[in-house]
Amino acid sequence: MKTKFLFLSLFFTFFLSQAQSNDLYIKIMLEQANEMGKKFVERDYAGFLKYAHPATIKAMRGEKEALKKMNEQMMEIAKEGIIVTDVNFGTPSKIITVDSELQCTLPQILTMDLPEGKLTATTTVIAISKDNGKNWYFLDTANYNFQDMRMLLPNLSDQIVIPERTEPSFEPNTKTE
């Protein structure tokens, strides 16, 4: 009887510590994702890029070039009257451990003001931590499927699911005269 009790006690202690770890990972991940979103809305692209996965920065030929391209692209959309006004994140998927990385996805909700109205788009972001959940990197999958992401991130788990892209919602401006 004592052996069964000890086994159950150890099992629940392990299970509870795993749940607490997951809660802490999620808390830190969402804090960092929200900080990244805030930097984007504030047009602090250098601060925003600190949350970009190193593979993304490498693919863009380094941090300096990535910042230059980002500034150029965002100036172009601003000229068209498009302004990102809000970035929010939903509930992360199950966190998967691959080698020494933590990986999951989380929904990203972007709200943009356009001259004609307001556009809200939901995309999926891959979140990766290489240091046991202390720091997280994020990759937007907006125009990519799993195979594309796997080319950029060879260590990406097969258990990561990138949902089908959904159509953004549009709320036209109401004219009052």
N, C-alpha and C. Protein backbone atom coordinates (compact mmCIF):
# COMPACT_ATOMS: atom_id res chain seq x y z
N MET A 1 0.82 -1.18 0.00
CA MET A 1 0.00 0.00 0.00
C MET A 1 0.87 1.26 0.00
N LYS A 2 1.93 1.26 0.82
CA LYS A 2 2.82 2.40 0.88
C LYS A 2 3.49 2.64 -0.48
N THR A 3 3.82 1.56 -1.18
CA THR A 3 4.47 1.67 -2.48
C THR A 3 3.53 2.33 -3.48
N LYS A 4 2.26 1.91 -3.48
CA LYS A 4 1.28 2.50 -4.39
C LYS A 4 1.09 3.99 -4.09
N PHE A 5 1.01 4.31 -2.80
CA PHE A 5 0.82 5.70 -2.40
C PHE A 5 2.02 6.55 -2.83
N LEU A 6 3.23 6.01 -2.63
CA LEU A 6 4.44 6.72 -3.02
C LEU A 6 4.48 6.93 -4.53
N PHE A 7 4.13 5.88 -5.29
CA PHE A 7 4.10 5.98 -6.74
C PHE A 7 3.11 7.05 -7.19
N LEU A 8 1.90 7.00 -6.65
CA LEU A 8 0.88 7.99 -7.02
C LEU A 8 1.32 9.40 -6.63
N SER A 9 1.91 9.54 -5.49
CA SER A 9 2.39 10.84 -5.03
C SER A 9 3.45 11.39 -5.98
N LEU A 10 4.40 10.54 -6.36
CA LEU A 10 5.44 10.96 -7.30
C LEU A 10 4.86 11.30 -8.67
N PHE A 11 3.89 10.48 -9.12
CA PHE A 11 3.26 10.72 -10.41
C PHE A 11 2.55 12.08 -10.43
N PHE A 12 1.75 12.36 -9.42
CA PHE A 12 1.02 13.63 -9.37
C PHE A 12 1.96 14.82 -9.18
N THR A 13 3.04 14.63 -8.43
CA THR A 13 4.02 15.70 -8.27
C THR A 13 4.66 16.02 -9.61
N PHE A 14 5.04 14.98 -10.36
CA PHE A 14 5.62 15.18 -11.69
C PHE A 14 4.62 15.85 -12.61
N PHE A 15 3.38 15.35 -12.64
CA PHE A 15 2.33 15.89 -13.50
C PHE A 15 2.07 17.36 -13.16
N LEU A 16 1.97 17.67 -11.89
CA LEU A 16 1.70 19.04 -11.45
C LEU A 16 2.87 19.97 -11.82
N SER A 17 4.10 19.49 -11.66
CA SER A 17 5.25 20.33 -12.01
C SER A 17 5.29 20.58 -13.51
N GLN A 18 4.91 19.58 -14.32
CA GLN A 18 4.85 19.77 -15.77
C GLN A 18 3.79 20.80 -16.13
N ALA A 19 2.63 20.74 -15.49
CA ALA A 19 1.55 21.70 -15.76
C ALA A 19 1.99 23.11 -15.36
N GLN A 20 2.69 23.22 -14.24
CA GLN A 20 3.17 24.53 -13.80
C GLN A 20 4.22 25.07 -14.77
N SER A 21 5.09 24.19 -15.27
CA SER A 21 6.09 24.61 -16.26
C SER A 21 5.40 25.13 -17.51
N ASN A 22 4.40 24.39 -18.00
CA ASN A 22 3.66 24.81 -19.18
C ASN A 22 3.01 26.17 -18.96
N ASP A 23 2.39 26.36 -17.80
CA ASP A 23 1.75 27.65 -17.49
C ASP A 23 2.78 28.77 -17.51
N LEU A 24 3.96 28.52 -16.96
CA LEU A 24 5.01 29.53 -16.94
C LEU A 24 5.51 29.80 -18.35
N TYR A 25 5.72 28.74 -19.15
CA TYR A 25 6.14 28.92 -20.55
C TYR A 25 5.14 29.81 -21.28
N ILE A 26 3.86 29.50 -21.13
CA ILE A 26 2.80 30.24 -21.82
C ILE A 26 2.78 31.70 -21.36
N LYS A 27 2.90 31.91 -20.06
CA LYS A 27 2.89 33.28 -19.52
C LYS A 27 4.02 34.09 -20.13
N ILE A 28 5.23 33.55 -20.12
CA ILE A 28 6.40 34.26 -20.66
C ILE A 28 6.25 34.45 -22.16
N MET A 29 5.81 33.40 -22.86
CA MET A 29 5.63 33.48 -24.31
C MET A 29 4.67 34.60 -24.68
N LEU A 30 3.52 34.64 -24.00
CA LEU A 30 2.52 35.66 -24.33
C LEU A 30 3.00 37.07 -23.95
N GLU A 31 3.73 37.19 -22.86
CA GLU A 31 4.30 38.51 -22.50
C GLU A 31 5.23 38.98 -23.62
N GLN A 32 6.09 38.08 -24.10
CA GLN A 32 7.04 38.45 -25.14
C GLN A 32 6.34 38.68 -26.49
N ALA A 33 5.35 37.87 -26.81
CA ALA A 33 4.59 38.07 -28.05
C ALA A 33 3.88 39.42 -28.01
N ASN A 34 3.27 39.75 -26.88
CA ASN A 34 2.59 41.04 -26.76
C ASN A 34 3.57 42.20 -26.84
N GLU A 35 4.75 42.04 -26.28
CA GLU A 35 5.78 43.09 -26.38
C GLU A 35 6.20 43.25 -27.85
N MET A 36 6.35 42.13 -28.56
CA MET A 36 6.69 42.18 -29.97
C MET A 36 5.60 42.92 -30.75
N GLY A 37 4.34 42.58 -30.47
CA GLY A 37 3.22 43.24 -31.14
C GLY A 37 3.19 44.74 -30.86
N LYS A 38 3.46 45.10 -29.62
CA LYS A 38 3.51 46.51 -29.23
C LYS A 38 4.60 47.24 -30.01
N LYS A 39 5.77 46.62 -30.13
CA LYS A 39 6.87 47.23 -30.88
C LYS A 39 6.46 47.45 -32.34
N PHE A 40 5.75 46.49 -32.90
CA PHE A 40 5.31 46.60 -34.29
C PHE A 40 4.34 47.77 -34.47
N VAL A 41 3.34 47.85 -33.60
CA VAL A 41 2.35 48.92 -33.67
C VAL A 41 3.03 50.29 -33.49
N GLU A 42 4.01 50.35 -32.61
CA GLU A 42 4.73 51.61 -32.35
C GLU A 42 5.77 51.92 -33.43
N ARG A 43 5.89 51.05 -34.41
CA ARG A 43 6.85 51.19 -35.51
C ARG A 43 8.31 51.14 -35.04
N ASP A 44 8.53 50.43 -33.94
CA ASP A 44 9.89 50.20 -33.43
C ASP A 44 10.34 48.86 -34.03
N TYR A 45 10.74 48.91 -35.30
CA TYR A 45 11.05 47.68 -36.01
C TYR A 45 12.34 47.02 -35.53
N ALA A 46 13.27 47.80 -35.02
CA ALA A 46 14.49 47.21 -34.44
C ALA A 46 14.12 46.40 -33.21
N GLY A 47 13.24 46.95 -32.37
CA GLY A 47 12.75 46.22 -31.19
C GLY A 47 11.94 45.00 -31.58
N PHE A 48 11.13 45.15 -32.62
CA PHE A 48 10.31 44.04 -33.13
C PHE A 48 11.19 42.89 -33.61
N LEU A 49 12.26 43.21 -34.35
CA LEU A 49 13.12 42.17 -34.92
C LEU A 49 13.89 41.37 -33.87
N LYS A 50 13.97 41.88 -32.64
CA LYS A 50 14.63 41.12 -31.57
C LYS A 50 13.86 39.83 -31.26
N TYR A 51 12.59 39.79 -31.66
CA TYR A 51 11.77 38.60 -31.43
C TYR A 51 11.69 37.71 -32.67
N ALA A 52 12.32 38.13 -33.75
CA ALA A 52 12.31 37.33 -34.97
C ALA A 52 13.27 36.15 -34.81
N HIS A 53 12.87 35.01 -35.30
CA HIS A 53 13.72 33.82 -35.22
C HIS A 53 15.01 34.08 -36.01
N PRO A 54 16.16 33.64 -35.47
CA PRO A 54 17.44 33.85 -36.17
C PRO A 54 17.44 33.35 -37.62
N ALA A 55 16.69 32.29 -37.92
CA ALA A 55 16.62 31.78 -39.29
C ALA A 55 15.98 32.81 -40.22
N THR A 56 15.01 33.57 -39.71
CA THR A 56 14.38 34.62 -40.50
C THR A 56 15.37 35.73 -40.79
N ILE A 57 16.09 36.14 -39.76
CA ILE A 57 17.09 37.20 -39.92
C ILE A 57 18.17 36.76 -40.91
N LYS A 58 18.59 35.51 -40.80
CA LYS A 58 19.60 34.98 -41.71
C LYS A 58 19.08 34.97 -43.15
N ALA A 59 17.82 34.55 -43.34
CA ALA A 59 17.22 34.51 -44.67
C ALA A 59 17.10 35.91 -45.28
N MET A 60 17.03 36.92 -44.42
CA MET A 60 16.92 38.30 -44.90
C MET A 60 18.30 38.97 -44.99
N ARG A 61 19.35 38.18 -44.92
CA ARG A 61 20.75 38.63 -45.05
C ARG A 61 21.23 39.49 -43.89
N GLY A 62 20.77 39.17 -42.71
CA GLY A 62 21.27 39.85 -41.52
C GLY A 62 20.31 40.89 -40.98
N GLU A 63 20.60 41.28 -39.74
CA GLU A 63 19.71 42.19 -39.02
C GLU A 63 19.60 43.57 -39.68
N LYS A 64 20.73 44.08 -40.14
CA LYS A 64 20.73 45.41 -40.77
C LYS A 64 19.85 45.42 -42.03
N GLU A 65 20.01 44.40 -42.86
CA GLU A 65 19.23 44.30 -44.10
C GLU A 65 17.76 44.03 -43.79
N ALA A 66 17.49 43.21 -42.78
CA ALA A 66 16.10 42.92 -42.38
C ALA A 66 15.41 44.20 -41.92
N LEU A 67 16.10 45.01 -41.14
CA LEU A 67 15.53 46.27 -40.66
C LEU A 67 15.28 47.22 -41.82
N LYS A 68 16.23 47.29 -42.74
CA LYS A 68 16.07 48.16 -43.91
C LYS A 68 14.84 47.74 -44.73
N LYS A 69 14.73 46.45 -45.02
CA LYS A 69 13.58 45.94 -45.81
C LYS A 69 12.26 46.19 -45.08
N MET A 70 12.26 45.97 -43.79
CA MET A 70 11.04 46.16 -43.02
C MET A 70 10.61 47.63 -43.03
N ASN A 71 11.55 48.53 -42.82
CA ASN A 71 11.24 49.96 -42.86
C ASN A 71 10.69 50.36 -44.23
N GLU A 72 11.31 49.86 -45.29
CA GLU A 72 10.85 50.18 -46.64
C GLU A 72 9.43 49.67 -46.88
N GLN A 73 9.18 48.42 -46.51
CA GLN A 73 7.85 47.83 -46.72
C GLN A 73 6.78 48.56 -45.92
N MET A 74 7.09 48.90 -44.70
CA MET A 74 6.10 49.56 -43.85
C MET A 74 5.85 51.00 -44.31
N MET A 75 6.86 51.66 -44.86
CA MET A 75 6.65 53.00 -45.41
C MET A 75 5.75 52.93 -46.64
N GLU A 76 5.93 51.88 -47.44
CA GLU A 76 5.09 51.70 -48.63
C GLU A 76 3.62 51.53 -48.26
N ILE A 77 3.35 50.68 -47.28
CA ILE A 77 1.94 50.49 -46.92
C ILE A 77 1.37 51.73 -46.22
N ALA A 78 2.22 52.47 -45.51
CA ALA A 78 1.75 53.71 -44.88
C ALA A 78 1.37 54.75 -45.93
N LYS A 79 2.10 54.78 -47.06
CA LYS A 79 1.78 55.68 -48.16
C LYS A 79 0.39 55.38 -48.72
N GLU A 80 -0.02 54.12 -48.63
CA GLU A 80 -1.35 53.72 -49.11
C GLU A 80 -2.43 53.96 -48.06
N GLY A 81 -2.04 54.52 -46.93
CA GLY A 81 -3.01 54.82 -45.88
C GLY A 81 -3.33 53.65 -44.98
N ILE A 82 -2.47 52.63 -44.98
CA ILE A 82 -2.69 51.44 -44.14
C ILE A 82 -1.85 51.58 -42.88
N ILE A 83 -2.51 51.47 -41.74
CA ILE A 83 -1.82 51.59 -40.45
C ILE A 83 -2.21 50.41 -39.57
N VAL A 84 -1.21 49.69 -39.08
CA VAL A 84 -1.47 48.60 -38.13
C VAL A 84 -1.76 49.25 -36.78
N THR A 85 -2.96 49.00 -36.26
CA THR A 85 -3.37 49.65 -35.01
C THR A 85 -3.33 48.73 -33.80
N ASP A 86 -3.33 47.42 -34.04
CA ASP A 86 -3.35 46.50 -32.90
C ASP A 86 -2.84 45.13 -33.32
N VAL A 87 -2.14 44.47 -32.42
CA VAL A 87 -1.69 43.09 -32.61
C VAL A 87 -1.98 42.37 -31.31
N ASN A 88 -2.77 41.30 -31.39
CA ASN A 88 -3.08 40.48 -30.21
C ASN A 88 -2.79 39.03 -30.52
N PHE A 89 -2.70 38.24 -29.46
CA PHE A 89 -2.39 36.82 -29.62
C PHE A 89 -3.40 35.98 -28.85
N GLY A 90 -3.76 34.85 -29.45
CA GLY A 90 -4.70 33.93 -28.82
C GLY A 90 -3.98 32.87 -28.01
N THR A 91 -4.70 31.81 -27.72
CA THR A 91 -4.20 30.71 -26.89
C THR A 91 -3.23 29.84 -27.69
N PRO A 92 -2.03 29.60 -27.16
CA PRO A 92 -1.06 28.76 -27.86
C PRO A 92 -1.53 27.31 -27.96
N SER A 93 -1.01 26.62 -28.97
CA SER A 93 -1.25 25.19 -29.08
C SER A 93 -0.41 24.48 -28.02
N LYS A 94 -0.51 23.17 -28.00
CA LYS A 94 0.30 22.38 -27.08
C LYS A 94 1.78 22.64 -27.36
N ILE A 95 2.56 22.81 -26.31
CA ILE A 95 4.00 23.03 -26.46
C ILE A 95 4.68 21.68 -26.64
N ILE A 96 5.47 21.59 -27.69
CA ILE A 96 6.16 20.35 -28.05
C ILE A 96 7.65 20.56 -27.83
N THR A 97 8.31 19.54 -27.28
CA THR A 97 9.76 19.61 -27.10
C THR A 97 10.43 18.79 -28.19
N VAL A 98 11.33 19.44 -28.92
CA VAL A 98 12.11 18.78 -29.97
C VAL A 98 13.57 19.07 -29.67
N ASP A 99 14.31 18.01 -29.38
CA ASP A 99 15.69 18.17 -28.92
C ASP A 99 15.67 19.14 -27.75
N SER A 100 16.31 20.29 -27.87
CA SER A 100 16.33 21.22 -26.74
C SER A 100 15.44 22.44 -26.99
N GLU A 101 14.54 22.34 -27.97
CA GLU A 101 13.65 23.46 -28.29
C GLU A 101 12.23 23.20 -27.83
N LEU A 102 11.56 24.29 -27.43
CA LEU A 102 10.12 24.26 -27.19
C LEU A 102 9.48 24.90 -28.41
N GLN A 103 8.42 24.27 -28.92
CA GLN A 103 7.77 24.76 -30.13
C GLN A 103 6.26 24.70 -29.97
N CYS A 104 5.57 25.69 -30.53
CA CYS A 104 4.12 25.67 -30.59
C CYS A 104 3.66 26.72 -31.59
N THR A 105 2.37 26.79 -31.78
CA THR A 105 1.81 27.85 -32.61
C THR A 105 0.88 28.69 -31.75
N LEU A 106 0.64 29.91 -32.20
CA LEU A 106 -0.37 30.72 -31.54
C LEU A 106 -1.00 31.64 -32.56
N PRO A 107 -2.31 31.89 -32.41
CA PRO A 107 -3.00 32.78 -33.33
C PRO A 107 -2.57 34.23 -33.09
N GLN A 108 -2.41 34.95 -34.19
CA GLN A 108 -2.06 36.36 -34.14
C GLN A 108 -3.19 37.13 -34.83
N ILE A 109 -3.73 38.11 -34.15
CA ILE A 109 -4.83 38.90 -34.69
C ILE A 109 -4.32 40.31 -34.95
N LEU A 110 -4.27 40.68 -36.23
CA LEU A 110 -3.80 42.00 -36.65
C LEU A 110 -5.00 42.86 -37.02
N THR A 111 -5.01 44.09 -36.53
CA THR A 111 -6.05 45.03 -36.89
C THR A 111 -5.38 46.19 -37.61
N MET A 112 -5.92 46.53 -38.78
CA MET A 112 -5.34 47.60 -39.58
C MET A 112 -6.42 48.58 -40.00
N ASP A 113 -6.07 49.85 -39.96
CA ASP A 113 -6.94 50.89 -40.49
C ASP A 113 -6.54 51.12 -41.94
N LEU A 114 -7.54 51.09 -42.81
CA LEU A 114 -7.35 51.37 -44.23
C LEU A 114 -8.19 52.61 -44.55
N PRO A 115 -7.92 53.28 -45.64
CA PRO A 115 -8.75 54.43 -45.98
C PRO A 115 -10.24 54.07 -46.09
N GLU A 116 -10.54 52.85 -46.49
CA GLU A 116 -11.93 52.42 -46.68
C GLU A 116 -12.58 51.84 -45.43
N GLY A 117 -11.80 51.52 -44.41
CA GLY A 117 -12.37 50.89 -43.23
C GLY A 117 -11.32 50.18 -42.40
N LYS A 118 -11.78 49.17 -41.66
CA LYS A 118 -10.91 48.44 -40.75
C LYS A 118 -10.84 46.97 -41.19
N LEU A 119 -9.63 46.45 -41.23
CA LEU A 119 -9.38 45.07 -41.62
C LEU A 119 -8.82 44.32 -40.43
N THR A 120 -9.36 43.15 -40.15
CA THR A 120 -8.85 42.30 -39.08
C THR A 120 -8.48 40.95 -39.69
N ALA A 121 -7.23 40.57 -39.51
CA ALA A 121 -6.73 39.31 -40.08
C ALA A 121 -6.14 38.45 -38.98
N THR A 122 -6.44 37.16 -39.04
CA THR A 122 -5.87 36.20 -38.09
C THR A 122 -4.90 35.31 -38.85
N THR A 123 -3.68 35.26 -38.36
CA THR A 123 -2.66 34.39 -38.93
C THR A 123 -2.13 33.49 -37.82
N THR A 124 -1.27 32.59 -38.19
CA THR A 124 -0.65 31.70 -37.21
C THR A 124 0.82 32.03 -37.10
N VAL A 125 1.30 32.08 -35.87
CA VAL A 125 2.71 32.34 -35.58
C VAL A 125 3.29 31.08 -34.95
N ILE A 126 4.49 30.72 -35.38
CA ILE A 126 5.22 29.64 -34.72
C ILE A 126 6.08 30.29 -33.64
N ALA A 127 6.01 29.76 -32.43
CA ALA A 127 6.80 30.26 -31.31
C ALA A 127 7.84 29.19 -30.96
N ILE A 128 9.08 29.63 -30.81
CA ILE A 128 10.16 28.70 -30.50
C ILE A 128 11.04 29.28 -29.40
N SER A 129 11.36 28.44 -28.43
CA SER A 129 12.31 28.82 -27.38
C SER A 129 13.46 27.83 -27.42
N LYS A 130 14.67 28.38 -27.41
CA LYS A 130 15.87 27.55 -27.42
C LYS A 130 16.51 27.49 -26.04
N ASP A 131 15.89 28.17 -25.05
CA ASP A 131 16.48 28.23 -23.71
C ASP A 131 15.46 27.89 -22.62
N ASN A 132 14.69 26.84 -22.87
CA ASN A 132 13.73 26.31 -21.90
C ASN A 132 12.67 27.34 -21.49
N GLY A 133 12.21 28.12 -22.45
CA GLY A 133 11.08 29.01 -22.21
C GLY A 133 11.41 30.39 -21.67
N LYS A 134 12.67 30.72 -21.54
CA LYS A 134 13.03 32.05 -21.02
C LYS A 134 12.85 33.12 -22.08
N ASN A 135 13.22 32.79 -23.31
CA ASN A 135 13.10 33.73 -24.43
C ASN A 135 12.44 33.01 -25.60
N TRP A 136 11.57 33.73 -26.30
CA TRP A 136 10.83 33.15 -27.41
C TRP A 136 11.08 33.93 -28.68
N TYR A 137 11.16 33.18 -29.79
CA TYR A 137 11.24 33.75 -31.13
C TYR A 137 9.93 33.42 -31.83
N PHE A 138 9.54 34.29 -32.77
CA PHE A 138 8.25 34.12 -33.45
C PHE A 138 8.43 34.23 -34.96
N LEU A 139 7.68 33.40 -35.67
CA LEU A 139 7.68 33.43 -37.13
C LEU A 139 6.24 33.42 -37.61
N ASP A 140 5.86 34.41 -38.39
CA ASP A 140 4.51 34.47 -38.94
C ASP A 140 4.45 33.53 -40.14
N THR A 141 3.42 32.71 -40.19
CA THR A 141 3.27 31.73 -41.27
C THR A 141 2.29 32.21 -42.33
N ALA A 142 1.94 33.49 -42.33
CA ALA A 142 0.86 34.03 -43.17
C ALA A 142 0.86 33.52 -44.61
N ASN A 143 1.98 33.48 -45.26
CA ASN A 143 2.02 33.07 -46.67
C ASN A 143 2.75 31.76 -46.88
N TYR A 144 2.86 30.96 -45.82
CA TYR A 144 3.65 29.74 -45.91
C TYR A 144 2.89 28.53 -45.38
N ASN A 145 3.22 27.37 -45.92
CA ASN A 145 2.67 26.13 -45.39
C ASN A 145 3.74 25.42 -44.56
N PHE A 146 3.41 24.26 -44.07
CA PHE A 146 4.33 23.53 -43.20
C PHE A 146 5.65 23.22 -43.91
N GLN A 147 5.57 22.79 -45.18
CA GLN A 147 6.80 22.44 -45.90
C GLN A 147 7.71 23.66 -46.07
N ASP A 148 7.12 24.82 -46.35
CA ASP A 148 7.91 26.05 -46.46
C ASP A 148 8.60 26.35 -45.13
N MET A 149 7.85 26.24 -44.05
CA MET A 149 8.41 26.53 -42.73
C MET A 149 9.49 25.52 -42.37
N ARG A 150 9.32 24.28 -42.78
CA ARG A 150 10.30 23.22 -42.49
C ARG A 150 11.62 23.48 -43.21
N MET A 151 11.55 24.11 -44.40
CA MET A 151 12.79 24.46 -45.11
C MET A 151 13.56 25.52 -44.32
N LEU A 152 12.84 26.45 -43.71
CA LEU A 152 13.46 27.49 -42.91
C LEU A 152 13.90 26.96 -41.55
N LEU A 153 13.08 26.05 -40.99
CA LEU A 153 13.33 25.47 -39.66
C LEU A 153 13.36 23.95 -39.77
N PRO A 154 14.48 23.37 -40.14
CA PRO A 154 14.55 21.91 -40.32
C PRO A 154 14.16 21.11 -39.08
N ASN A 155 14.30 21.71 -37.89
CA ASN A 155 14.00 21.03 -36.63
C ASN A 155 12.51 21.13 -36.25
N LEU A 156 11.69 21.74 -37.10
CA LEU A 156 10.27 21.94 -36.79
C LEU A 156 9.56 20.59 -36.67
N SER A 157 8.86 20.40 -35.57
CA SER A 157 8.18 19.14 -35.29
C SER A 157 7.06 18.86 -36.28
N ASP A 158 6.90 17.59 -36.63
CA ASP A 158 5.78 17.16 -37.46
C ASP A 158 4.44 17.36 -36.75
N GLN A 159 4.50 17.53 -35.43
CA GLN A 159 3.27 17.72 -34.66
C GLN A 159 2.75 19.17 -34.72
N ILE A 160 3.57 20.07 -35.26
CA ILE A 160 3.13 21.46 -35.41
C ILE A 160 2.11 21.52 -36.54
N VAL A 161 0.97 22.10 -36.25
CA VAL A 161 -0.10 22.22 -37.24
C VAL A 161 -0.28 23.70 -37.57
N ILE A 162 -0.15 24.01 -38.85
CA ILE A 162 -0.40 25.37 -39.32
C ILE A 162 -1.78 25.35 -39.97
N PRO A 163 -2.75 25.98 -39.31
CA PRO A 163 -4.11 25.95 -39.84
C PRO A 163 -4.22 26.64 -41.20
N GLU A 164 -5.24 26.25 -41.96
CA GLU A 164 -5.52 26.93 -43.22
C GLU A 164 -5.73 28.41 -42.96
N ARG A 165 -5.28 29.20 -43.87
CA ARG A 165 -5.43 30.65 -43.76
C ARG A 165 -6.91 31.02 -43.90
N THR A 166 -7.36 31.93 -43.05
CA THR A 166 -8.75 32.38 -43.12
C THR A 166 -8.80 33.76 -43.76
N GLU A 167 -9.93 34.06 -44.34
CA GLU A 167 -10.12 35.37 -44.96
C GLU A 167 -10.23 36.43 -43.86
N PRO A 168 -9.59 37.57 -44.07
CA PRO A 168 -9.73 38.65 -43.09
C PRO A 168 -11.15 39.21 -43.10
N SER A 169 -11.52 39.83 -42.00
CA SER A 169 -12.84 40.49 -41.96
C SER A 169 -12.62 41.97 -42.24
N PHE A 170 -13.59 42.57 -42.88
CA PHE A 170 -13.50 43.98 -43.26
C PHE A 170 -14.74 44.70 -42.79
N GLU A 171 -14.50 45.81 -42.13
CA GLU A 171 -15.59 46.66 -41.64
C GLU A 171 -15.44 48.02 -42.32
N PRO A 172 -16.31 48.30 -43.30
CA PRO A 172 -16.18 49.58 -44.01
C PRO A 172 -16.45 50.78 -43.14
N ASN A 173 -15.83 51.89 -43.50
CA ASN A 173 -16.12 53.14 -42.81
C ASN A 173 -17.57 53.52 -43.06
N THR A 174 -18.19 54.08 -42.06
CA THR A 174 -19.55 54.58 -42.26
C THR A 174 -19.46 56.08 -42.47
N LYS A 175 -20.06 56.52 -43.55
CA LYS A 175 -20.01 57.94 -43.86
C LYS A 175 -21.17 58.66 -43.17
N THR A 176 -20.84 59.69 -42.48
CA THR A 176 -21.87 60.53 -41.87
C THR A 176 -21.73 61.93 -42.43
N GLU A 177 -22.82 62.39 -43.03
CA GLU A 177 -22.79 63.73 -43.63
C GLU A 177 -23.92 64.55 -43.13
